[in-house]
Amino acid sequence: MSLNDPIVPVVTEPVPGADPVLVAEPQPSLAAEGLPSRFCCFVTGTDTEIGKTLVSAAILHTLVAGGVRACGMKPVAAGAAMRDGELHNDDADMLVAESSVHLPVNITTPYMLREACAPHIAAKLDGVTIEPVPIIAAYAEIAAASDAVVVEGVGGFRVPFSDLFDSAQLAEQLNLPVILVVGLRLGCISHALLTVEAIIARGLVLAGWVVNEIDPDMRFADENVDALAERIPARLLGRIPYLDQPTAAEAAKFIDLAGLPGWPSARD
């Protein structure tokens, strides 16, 4: 029995003349019954164009390779073009390509915006208002159809969606463990530590962080990573080297999520 085993009261045989006694009895865990584990996370970053999609796709790649029914979600995508009669966004398409559960695009990306700019501006240009309810409803539908869900945020951690709603509030409402992607370049230490503070201040769980080397000429890269490791109160989940042609499969080789809540156990 572990601390995570559910406890339910059962009634023992009563002693004549005495009141029934309630005794806690451990129940078998879901994992022991062979039911699938459930892994869900929210992937955010220190900035835009630092590798959130690459890391999200790499996580999906590993899950699917292990036989897990996994689906990626990009709730808001700015910078979409019409192809084959529908809007497509490269980041959203990459998540779809690495998923094993496929749902309509209006579920995996409820807000597909045309202009490649800040989401609140792109939404205004498209004449729409980004609201939390359609995103939360879409997430619930994805979670019901999948055993693992990877939700990728937009830009940095706190990006405006409207005058009343931003990406940090979305993370709060989803309330998923957060994985932070740190784009390794000059200035990343401050960006990362401020982001960590913002995540923790909202009561969210920082599950871990991934370093993505985006500047092949960056000096003192190791020293920067060491400084972050001393200050971020979460596990370093991986360090992706600079890749000339980054793919989910290649990036997945440098990320280890074993031990995170819901992460499937290795199979022989």
C-alpha atoms as a PDB file:
ATOM      1  CA  MET A   1       0.000   0.000   0.000  1.00  0.00           C
ATOM      2  CA  SER A   2       1.245   3.492  -0.833  1.00  0.00           C
ATOM      3  CA  LEU A   3       0.121   6.963   0.188  1.00  0.00           C
ATOM      4  CA  ASN A   4      -1.585   7.261  -3.189  1.00  0.00           C
ATOM      5  CA  ASP A   5      -3.809   4.224  -2.748  1.00  0.00           C
ATOM      6  CA  PRO A   6      -7.453   5.251  -2.322  1.00  0.00           C
ATOM      7  CA  ILE A   7      -8.963   4.578   1.089  1.00  0.00           C
ATOM      8  CA  VAL A   8     -12.608   3.627   1.550  1.00  0.00           C
ATOM      9  CA  PRO A   9     -14.356   2.666   4.768  1.00  0.00           C
ATOM     10  CA  VAL A  10     -15.781  -0.855   5.125  1.00  0.00           C
ATOM     11  CA  VAL A  11     -17.978  -2.200   7.887  1.00  0.00           C
ATOM     12  CA  THR A  12     -16.621  -5.160   9.904  1.00  0.00           C
ATOM     13  CA  GLU A  13     -18.788  -7.785  11.554  1.00  0.00           C
ATOM     14  CA  PRO A  14     -20.337  -6.112  14.617  1.00  0.00           C
ATOM     15  CA  VAL A  15     -19.751  -7.324  18.141  1.00  0.00           C
ATOM     16  CA  PRO A  16     -23.089  -8.061  19.868  1.00  0.00           C
ATOM     17  CA  GLY A  17     -24.209  -4.999  21.754  1.00  0.00           C
ATOM     18  CA  ALA A  18     -21.610  -2.722  20.140  1.00  0.00           C
ATOM     19  CA  ASP A  19     -21.844  -0.183  17.334  1.00  0.00           C
ATOM     20  CA  PRO A  20     -20.479  -1.097  13.899  1.00  0.00           C
ATOM     21  CA  VAL A  21     -16.766  -0.264  13.460  1.00  0.00           C
ATOM     22  CA  LEU A  22     -15.436   1.475  10.344  1.00  0.00           C
ATOM     23  CA  VAL A  23     -12.036   0.213   9.166  1.00  0.00           C
ATOM     24  CA  ALA A  24      -9.976   1.708   6.315  1.00  0.00           C
ATOM     25  CA  GLU A  25      -9.211  -0.876   3.651  1.00  0.00           C
ATOM     26  CA  PRO A  26      -6.818  -0.202   0.723  1.00  0.00           C
ATOM     27  CA  GLN A  27      -8.204  -0.571  -2.773  1.00  0.00           C
ATOM     28  CA  PRO A  28      -6.146  -1.739  -5.779  1.00  0.00           C
ATOM     29  CA  SER A  29      -4.619   1.101  -7.766  1.00  0.00           C
ATOM     30  CA  LEU A  30      -5.664   1.740 -11.345  1.00  0.00           C
ATOM     31  CA  ALA A  31      -2.156   0.958 -12.576  1.00  0.00           C
ATOM     32  CA  ALA A  32      -2.299  -2.436 -10.936  1.00  0.00           C
ATOM     33  CA  GLU A  33      -5.483  -3.194 -12.865  1.00  0.00           C
ATOM     34  CA  GLY A  34      -3.750  -2.444 -16.144  1.00  0.00           C
ATOM     35  CA  LEU A  35      -5.659   0.746 -16.823  1.00  0.00           C
ATOM     36  CA  PRO A  36      -3.725   3.419 -18.735  1.00  0.00           C
ATOM     37  CA  SER A  37      -1.941   6.174 -16.853  1.00  0.00           C
ATOM     38  CA  ARG A  38      -2.901   9.749 -17.671  1.00  0.00           C
ATOM     39  CA  PHE A  39      -0.284  12.375 -18.415  1.00  0.00           C
ATOM     40  CA  CYS A  40      -1.232  15.993 -19.039  1.00  0.00           C
ATOM     41  CA  CYS A  41       0.898  19.114 -19.106  1.00  0.00           C
ATOM     42  CA  PHE A  42       0.949  22.748 -20.166  1.00  0.00           C
ATOM     43  CA  VAL A  43       4.072  23.755 -22.089  1.00  0.00           C
ATOM     44  CA  THR A  44       5.095  27.392 -21.826  1.00  0.00           C
ATOM     45  CA  GLY A  45       8.249  29.299 -22.665  1.00  0.00           C
ATOM     46  CA  THR A  46      10.463  32.210 -21.796  1.00  0.00           C
ATOM     47  CA  ASP A  47       9.558  33.916 -25.068  1.00  0.00           C
ATOM     48  CA  THR A  48       8.259  33.253 -28.555  1.00  0.00           C
ATOM     49  CA  GLU A  49      10.316  31.255 -31.068  1.00  0.00           C
ATOM     50  CA  ILE A  50      12.296  29.405 -28.403  1.00  0.00           C
ATOM     51  CA  GLY A  51      11.144  25.834 -29.018  1.00  0.00           C
ATOM     52  CA  LYS A  52       7.812  25.286 -27.246  1.00  0.00           C
ATOM     53  CA  THR A  53       6.398  23.469 -30.254  1.00  0.00           C
ATOM     54  CA  LEU A  54       9.529  21.359 -30.671  1.00  0.00           C
ATOM     55  CA  VAL A  55       9.427  20.270 -27.021  1.00  0.00           C
ATOM     56  CA  SER A  56       5.664  19.676 -27.096  1.00  0.00           C
ATOM     57  CA  ALA A  57       6.004  17.573 -30.247  1.00  0.00           C
ATOM     58  CA  ALA A  58       8.949  15.671 -28.742  1.00  0.00           C
ATOM     59  CA  ILE A  59       6.869  14.790 -25.666  1.00  0.00           C
ATOM     60  CA  LEU A  60       4.050  13.585 -27.908  1.00  0.00           C
ATOM     61  CA  HIS A  61       6.526  11.586 -30.005  1.00  0.00           C
ATOM     62  CA  THR A  62       7.786   9.731 -26.931  1.00  0.00           C
ATOM     63  CA  LEU A  63       4.272   9.050 -25.656  1.00  0.00           C
ATOM     64  CA  VAL A  64       3.044   7.717 -28.989  1.00  0.00           C
ATOM     65  CA  ALA A  65       6.179   5.604 -29.464  1.00  0.00           C
ATOM     66  CA  GLY A  66       5.331   4.003 -26.113  1.00  0.00           C
ATOM     67  CA  GLY A  67       1.846   3.085 -27.266  1.00  0.00           C
ATOM     68  CA  VAL A  68       0.014   5.885 -25.442  1.00  0.00           C
ATOM     69  CA  ARG A  69      -3.094   7.449 -26.988  1.00  0.00           C
ATOM     70  CA  ALA A  70      -1.848  11.039 -26.979  1.00  0.00           C
ATOM     71  CA  CYS A  71      -3.120  14.294 -28.430  1.00  0.00           C
ATOM     72  CA  GLY A  72      -1.552  17.725 -28.738  1.00  0.00           C
ATOM     73  CA  MET A  73      -3.509  20.933 -28.298  1.00  0.00           C
ATOM     74  CA  LYS A  74      -2.600  24.444 -29.436  1.00  0.00           C
ATOM     75  CA  PRO A  75      -5.550  26.460 -28.086  1.00  0.00           C
ATOM     76  CA  VAL A  76      -4.545  29.681 -29.831  1.00  0.00           C
ATOM     77  CA  ALA A  77      -2.427  29.811 -32.984  1.00  0.00           C
ATOM     78  CA  ALA A  78      -1.598  33.080 -34.733  1.00  0.00           C
ATOM     79  CA  GLY A  79      -0.229  32.959 -38.261  1.00  0.00           C
ATOM     80  CA  ALA A  80      -2.472  30.624 -40.231  1.00  0.00           C
ATOM     81  CA  ALA A  81      -2.759  30.174 -43.995  1.00  0.00           C
ATOM     82  CA  MET A  82      -5.468  28.581 -46.076  1.00  0.00           C
ATOM     83  CA  ARG A  83      -4.534  25.132 -47.432  1.00  0.00           C
ATOM     84  CA  ASP A  84      -6.864  22.523 -48.858  1.00  0.00           C
ATOM     85  CA  GLY A  85      -9.877  24.605 -47.947  1.00  0.00           C
ATOM     86  CA  GLU A  86      -9.040  25.177 -44.274  1.00  0.00           C
ATOM     87  CA  LEU A  87      -6.723  27.271 -42.145  1.00  0.00           C
ATOM     88  CA  HIS A  88      -3.431  25.666 -41.130  1.00  0.00           C
ATOM     89  CA  ASN A  89      -0.734  26.764 -38.709  1.00  0.00           C
ATOM     90  CA  ASP A  90       2.714  25.158 -38.793  1.00  0.00           C
ATOM     91  CA  ASP A  91       2.967  24.760 -35.012  1.00  0.00           C
ATOM     92  CA  ALA A  92      -0.506  23.260 -34.704  1.00  0.00           C
ATOM     93  CA  ASP A  93       0.194  20.951 -37.655  1.00  0.00           C
ATOM     94  CA  MET A  94       3.397  19.698 -36.003  1.00  0.00           C
ATOM     95  CA  LEU A  95       1.442  18.694 -32.900  1.00  0.00           C
ATOM     96  CA  VAL A  96      -1.177  16.952 -35.035  1.00  0.00           C
ATOM     97  CA  ALA A  97       1.550  15.041 -36.882  1.00  0.00           C
ATOM     98  CA  GLU A  98       2.984  13.696 -33.614  1.00  0.00           C
ATOM     99  CA  SER A  99      -0.391  12.819 -32.068  1.00  0.00           C
ATOM    100  CA  SER A 100      -2.040   9.404 -32.219  1.00  0.00           C
ATOM    101  CA  VAL A 101      -5.496  10.759 -31.393  1.00  0.00           C
ATOM    102  CA  HIS A 102      -6.863  12.960 -34.155  1.00  0.00           C
ATOM    103  CA  LEU A 103      -9.793  15.288 -33.614  1.00  0.00           C
ATOM    104  CA  PRO A 104     -11.242  18.148 -35.687  1.00  0.00           C
ATOM    105  CA  VAL A 105      -8.979  21.190 -35.870  1.00  0.00           C
ATOM    106  CA  ASN A 106     -11.606  23.376 -34.183  1.00  0.00           C
ATOM    107  CA  ILE A 107     -11.137  21.158 -31.111  1.00  0.00           C
ATOM    108  CA  THR A 108      -7.332  20.933 -31.037  1.00  0.00           C
ATOM    109  CA  THR A 109      -7.003  24.619 -31.997  1.00  0.00           C
ATOM    110  CA  PRO A 110     -10.227  26.481 -31.137  1.00  0.00           C
ATOM    111  CA  TYR A 111      -8.735  29.822 -32.189  1.00  0.00           C
ATOM    112  CA  MET A 112      -6.901  29.640 -35.516  1.00  0.00           C
ATOM    113  CA  LEU A 113      -5.948  33.236 -36.380  1.00  0.00           C
ATOM    114  CA  ARG A 114      -4.640  34.456 -39.716  1.00  0.00           C
ATOM    115  CA  GLU A 115      -2.192  37.216 -38.835  1.00  0.00           C
ATOM    116  CA  ALA A 116       1.204  36.256 -37.387  1.00  0.00           C
ATOM    117  CA  CYS A 117       1.226  38.738 -34.504  1.00  0.00           C
ATOM    118  CA  ALA A 118       0.190  39.029 -30.863  1.00  0.00           C
ATOM    119  CA  PRO A 119      -3.012  36.971 -30.397  1.00  0.00           C
ATOM    120  CA  HIS A 120      -5.182  39.836 -29.140  1.00  0.00           C
ATOM    121  CA  ILE A 121      -4.282  41.827 -32.245  1.00  0.00           C
ATOM    122  CA  ALA A 122      -4.761  38.871 -34.595  1.00  0.00           C
ATOM    123  CA  ALA A 123      -8.127  38.092 -33.006  1.00  0.00           C
ATOM    124  CA  LYS A 124      -9.300  41.666 -33.419  1.00  0.00           C
ATOM    125  CA  LEU A 125      -8.275  41.609 -37.094  1.00  0.00           C
ATOM    126  CA  ASP A 126     -10.288  38.405 -37.557  1.00  0.00           C
ATOM    127  CA  GLY A 127     -13.273  39.862 -35.727  1.00  0.00           C
ATOM    128  CA  VAL A 128     -13.253  37.301 -32.900  1.00  0.00           C
ATOM    129  CA  THR A 129     -12.824  37.444 -29.138  1.00  0.00           C
ATOM    130  CA  ILE A 130     -10.697  34.774 -27.485  1.00  0.00           C
ATOM    131  CA  GLU A 131     -12.629  33.452 -24.496  1.00  0.00           C
ATOM    132  CA  PRO A 132     -11.850  30.706 -21.980  1.00  0.00           C
ATOM    133  CA  VAL A 133     -15.050  28.648 -22.253  1.00  0.00           C
ATOM    134  CA  PRO A 134     -14.493  27.258 -25.793  1.00  0.00           C
ATOM    135  CA  ILE A 135     -10.889  26.364 -24.894  1.00  0.00           C
ATOM    136  CA  ILE A 136     -11.813  24.598 -21.649  1.00  0.00           C
ATOM    137  CA  ALA A 137     -14.634  22.722 -23.397  1.00  0.00           C
ATOM    138  CA  ALA A 138     -12.290  21.648 -26.198  1.00  0.00           C
ATOM    139  CA  TYR A 139      -9.680  20.484 -23.685  1.00  0.00           C
ATOM    140  CA  ALA A 140     -12.296  18.394 -21.879  1.00  0.00           C
ATOM    141  CA  GLU A 141     -13.235  16.730 -25.163  1.00  0.00           C
ATOM    142  CA  ILE A 142      -9.578  15.972 -25.968  1.00  0.00           C
ATOM    143  CA  ALA A 143      -8.950  14.604 -22.461  1.00  0.00           C
ATOM    144  CA  ALA A 144     -11.989  12.327 -22.763  1.00  0.00           C
ATOM    145  CA  ALA A 145     -10.672  10.863 -26.022  1.00  0.00           C
ATOM    146  CA  SER A 146      -7.016  10.497 -24.985  1.00  0.00           C
ATOM    147  CA  ASP A 147      -4.790   9.025 -22.307  1.00  0.00           C
ATOM    148  CA  ALA A 148      -2.322  11.920 -22.540  1.00  0.00           C
ATOM    149  CA  VAL A 149      -2.702  15.579 -23.515  1.00  0.00           C
ATOM    150  CA  VAL A 150       0.053  18.094 -24.227  1.00  0.00           C
ATOM    151  CA  VAL A 151      -1.191  21.685 -24.320  1.00  0.00           C
ATOM    152  CA  GLU A 152       1.145  24.229 -25.862  1.00  0.00           C
ATOM    153  CA  GLY A 153       0.812  27.855 -24.833  1.00  0.00           C
ATOM    154  CA  VAL A 154       1.425  30.946 -26.937  1.00  0.00           C
ATOM    155  CA  GLY A 155       4.578  33.069 -26.896  1.00  0.00           C
ATOM    156  CA  GLY A 156       5.730  33.603 -23.315  1.00  0.00           C
ATOM    157  CA  PHE A 157       3.760  32.772 -20.191  1.00  0.00           C
ATOM    158  CA  ARG A 158       1.647  35.927 -20.044  1.00  0.00           C
ATOM    159  CA  VAL A 159       0.384  36.898 -23.483  1.00  0.00           C
ATOM    160  CA  PRO A 160      -2.824  38.963 -23.874  1.00  0.00           C
ATOM    161  CA  PHE A 161      -5.754  37.236 -25.577  1.00  0.00           C
ATOM    162  CA  SER A 162      -8.190  40.103 -24.967  1.00  0.00           C
ATOM    163  CA  ASP A 163      -8.665  42.991 -22.560  1.00  0.00           C
ATOM    164  CA  LEU A 164      -9.897  40.535 -19.919  1.00  0.00           C
ATOM    165  CA  PHE A 165      -8.088  37.264 -20.621  1.00  0.00           C
ATOM    166  CA  ASP A 166      -4.486  36.175 -21.097  1.00  0.00           C
ATOM    167  CA  SER A 167      -2.437  32.990 -21.442  1.00  0.00           C
ATOM    168  CA  ALA A 168      -1.462  32.925 -17.754  1.00  0.00           C
ATOM    169  CA  GLN A 169      -5.145  32.891 -16.826  1.00  0.00           C
ATOM    170  CA  LEU A 170      -5.675  30.040 -19.288  1.00  0.00           C
ATOM    171  CA  ALA A 171      -2.934  28.069 -17.546  1.00  0.00           C
ATOM    172  CA  GLU A 172      -4.648  28.751 -14.218  1.00  0.00           C
ATOM    173  CA  GLN A 173      -8.000  27.527 -15.495  1.00  0.00           C
ATOM    174  CA  LEU A 174      -6.553  24.368 -17.038  1.00  0.00           C
ATOM    175  CA  ASN A 175      -4.550  23.846 -13.815  1.00  0.00           C
ATOM    176  CA  LEU A 176      -2.100  21.413 -15.425  1.00  0.00           C
ATOM    177  CA  PRO A 177       1.512  20.790 -14.404  1.00  0.00           C
ATOM    178  CA  VAL A 178       3.664  23.303 -16.279  1.00  0.00           C
ATOM    179  CA  ILE A 179       6.799  22.494 -18.261  1.00  0.00           C
ATOM    180  CA  LEU A 180       8.917  25.561 -18.992  1.00  0.00           C
ATOM    181  CA  VAL A 181      11.023  25.745 -22.145  1.00  0.00           C
ATOM    182  CA  VAL A 182      14.043  28.007 -21.783  1.00  0.00           C
ATOM    183  CA  GLY A 183      15.510  29.277 -25.038  1.00  0.00           C
ATOM    184  CA  LEU A 184      19.229  29.414 -24.296  1.00  0.00           C
ATOM    185  CA  ARG A 185      20.408  32.848 -25.372  1.00  0.00           C
ATOM    186  CA  LEU A 186      21.668  36.054 -23.802  1.00  0.00           C
ATOM    187  CA  GLY A 187      19.082  37.308 -21.308  1.00  0.00           C
ATOM    188  CA  CYS A 188      17.462  33.933 -20.721  1.00  0.00           C
ATOM    189  CA  ILE A 189      18.322  33.821 -17.008  1.00  0.00           C
ATOM    190  CA  SER A 190      16.161  36.815 -16.136  1.00  0.00           C
ATOM    191  CA  HIS A 191      13.401  35.715 -18.510  1.00  0.00           C
ATOM    192  CA  ALA A 192      13.343  32.224 -17.029  1.00  0.00           C
ATOM    193  CA  LEU A 193      13.398  33.283 -13.370  1.00  0.00           C
ATOM    194  CA  LEU A 194      10.651  35.863 -13.866  1.00  0.00           C
ATOM    195  CA  THR A 195       8.549  33.245 -15.653  1.00  0.00           C
ATOM    196  CA  VAL A 196       9.110  30.746 -12.844  1.00  0.00           C
ATOM    197  CA  GLU A 197       7.985  33.374 -10.319  1.00  0.00           C
ATOM    198  CA  ALA A 198       4.831  34.069 -12.344  1.00  0.00           C
ATOM    199  CA  ILE A 199       3.983  30.359 -12.599  1.00  0.00           C
ATOM    200  CA  ILE A 200       4.445  29.699  -8.887  1.00  0.00           C
ATOM    201  CA  ALA A 201       2.630  32.911  -7.880  1.00  0.00           C
ATOM    202  CA  ARG A 202      -0.482  31.558  -9.596  1.00  0.00           C
ATOM    203  CA  GLY A 203      -0.420  28.374  -7.561  1.00  0.00           C
ATOM    204  CA  LEU A 204       0.577  26.207 -10.502  1.00  0.00           C
ATOM    205  CA  VAL A 205       2.912  23.235 -10.295  1.00  0.00           C
ATOM    206  CA  LEU A 206       6.182  23.720 -12.165  1.00  0.00           C
ATOM    207  CA  ALA A 207       6.840  20.107 -13.172  1.00  0.00           C
ATOM    208  CA  GLY A 208      10.216  20.851 -14.725  1.00  0.00           C
ATOM    209  CA  TRP A 209      12.097  22.792 -17.363  1.00  0.00           C
ATOM    210  CA  VAL A 210      13.815  22.047 -20.649  1.00  0.00           C
ATOM    211  CA  VAL A 211      16.752  23.927 -22.109  1.00  0.00           C
ATOM    212  CA  ASN A 212      16.677  24.434 -25.864  1.00  0.00           C
ATOM    213  CA  GLU A 213      19.899  25.721 -27.404  1.00  0.00           C
ATOM    214  CA  ILE A 214      18.736  28.195 -30.044  1.00  0.00           C
ATOM    215  CA  ASP A 215      21.935  30.214 -30.451  1.00  0.00           C
ATOM    216  CA  PRO A 216      24.842  28.084 -31.700  1.00  0.00           C
ATOM    217  CA  ASP A 217      27.280  30.901 -30.977  1.00  0.00           C
ATOM    218  CA  MET A 218      26.209  31.617 -27.404  1.00  0.00           C
ATOM    219  CA  ARG A 219      29.153  31.993 -25.028  1.00  0.00           C
ATOM    220  CA  PHE A 220      29.114  30.525 -21.514  1.00  0.00           C
ATOM    221  CA  ALA A 221      26.137  28.307 -22.241  1.00  0.00           C
ATOM    222  CA  ASP A 222      27.032  25.801 -19.508  1.00  0.00           C
ATOM    223  CA  GLU A 223      27.433  28.571 -16.947  1.00  0.00           C
ATOM    224  CA  ASN A 224      23.982  29.930 -17.820  1.00  0.00           C
ATOM    225  CA  VAL A 225      22.404  26.499 -17.396  1.00  0.00           C
ATOM    226  CA  ASP A 226      24.207  26.040 -14.066  1.00  0.00           C
ATOM    227  CA  ALA A 227      22.907  29.394 -12.845  1.00  0.00           C
ATOM    228  CA  LEU A 228      19.359  28.427 -13.757  1.00  0.00           C
ATOM    229  CA  ALA A 229      19.661  24.994 -12.135  1.00  0.00           C
ATOM    230  CA  GLU A 230      20.718  26.657  -8.866  1.00  0.00           C
ATOM    231  CA  ARG A 231      17.686  28.955  -8.885  1.00  0.00           C
ATOM    232  CA  ILE A 232      14.757  27.084 -10.449  1.00  0.00           C
ATOM    233  CA  PRO A 233      12.946  24.931  -7.869  1.00  0.00           C
ATOM    234  CA  ALA A 234      12.145  22.137 -10.310  1.00  0.00           C
ATOM    235  CA  ARG A 235      13.916  19.366 -12.182  1.00  0.00           C
ATOM    236  CA  LEU A 236      15.853  19.953 -15.385  1.00  0.00           C
ATOM    237  CA  LEU A 237      14.117  17.562 -17.775  1.00  0.00           C
ATOM    238  CA  GLY A 238      16.527  17.866 -20.666  1.00  0.00           C
ATOM    239  CA  ARG A 239      18.872  19.972 -22.727  1.00  0.00           C
ATOM    240  CA  ILE A 240      18.352  19.959 -26.472  1.00  0.00           C
ATOM    241  CA  PRO A 241      21.499  20.899 -28.399  1.00  0.00           C
ATOM    242  CA  TYR A 242      21.348  23.252 -31.350  1.00  0.00           C
ATOM    243  CA  LEU A 243      19.826  21.274 -34.225  1.00  0.00           C
ATOM    244  CA  ASP A 244      20.271  22.386 -37.845  1.00  0.00           C
ATOM    245  CA  GLN A 245      17.058  20.586 -38.808  1.00  0.00           C
ATOM    246  CA  PRO A 246      15.077  20.068 -35.597  1.00  0.00           C
ATOM    247  CA  THR A 247      12.551  17.243 -35.497  1.00  0.00           C
ATOM    248  CA  ALA A 248      10.391  15.870 -32.711  1.00  0.00           C
ATOM    249  CA  ALA A 249      12.115  12.493 -32.925  1.00  0.00           C
ATOM    250  CA  GLU A 250      15.584  14.008 -32.585  1.00  0.00           C
ATOM    251  CA  ALA A 251      14.630  16.402 -29.777  1.00  0.00           C
ATOM    252  CA  ALA A 252      12.932  13.560 -27.868  1.00  0.00           C
ATOM    253  CA  LYS A 253      16.324  11.890 -27.413  1.00  0.00           C
ATOM    254  CA  PHE A 254      17.387  14.688 -25.066  1.00  0.00           C
ATOM    255  CA  ILE A 255      14.268  14.888 -22.845  1.00  0.00           C
ATOM    256  CA  ASP A 256      13.496  12.584 -19.909  1.00  0.00           C
ATOM    257  CA  LEU A 257      10.111  12.961 -18.218  1.00  0.00           C
ATOM    258  CA  ALA A 258      10.269   9.699 -16.266  1.00  0.00           C
ATOM    259  CA  GLY A 259       8.920  10.161 -12.771  1.00  0.00           C
ATOM    260  CA  LEU A 260       6.549  13.007 -13.557  1.00  0.00           C
ATOM    261  CA  PRO A 261       2.955  12.419 -12.380  1.00  0.00           C
ATOM    262  CA  GLY A 262       1.084  10.273 -14.896  1.00  0.00           C
ATOM    263  CA  TRP A 263       4.115   9.614 -17.075  1.00  0.00           C
ATOM    264  CA  PRO A 264       3.869   6.004 -18.283  1.00  0.00           C
ATOM    265  CA  SER A 265       6.282   3.523 -16.763  1.00  0.00           C
ATOM    266  CA  ALA A 266       8.897   1.953 -19.000  1.00  0.00           C
ATOM    267  CA  ARG A 267       7.881  -1.425 -20.371  1.00  0.00           C
ATOM    268  CA  ASP A 268      10.203  -4.359 -20.878  1.00  0.00           C
END
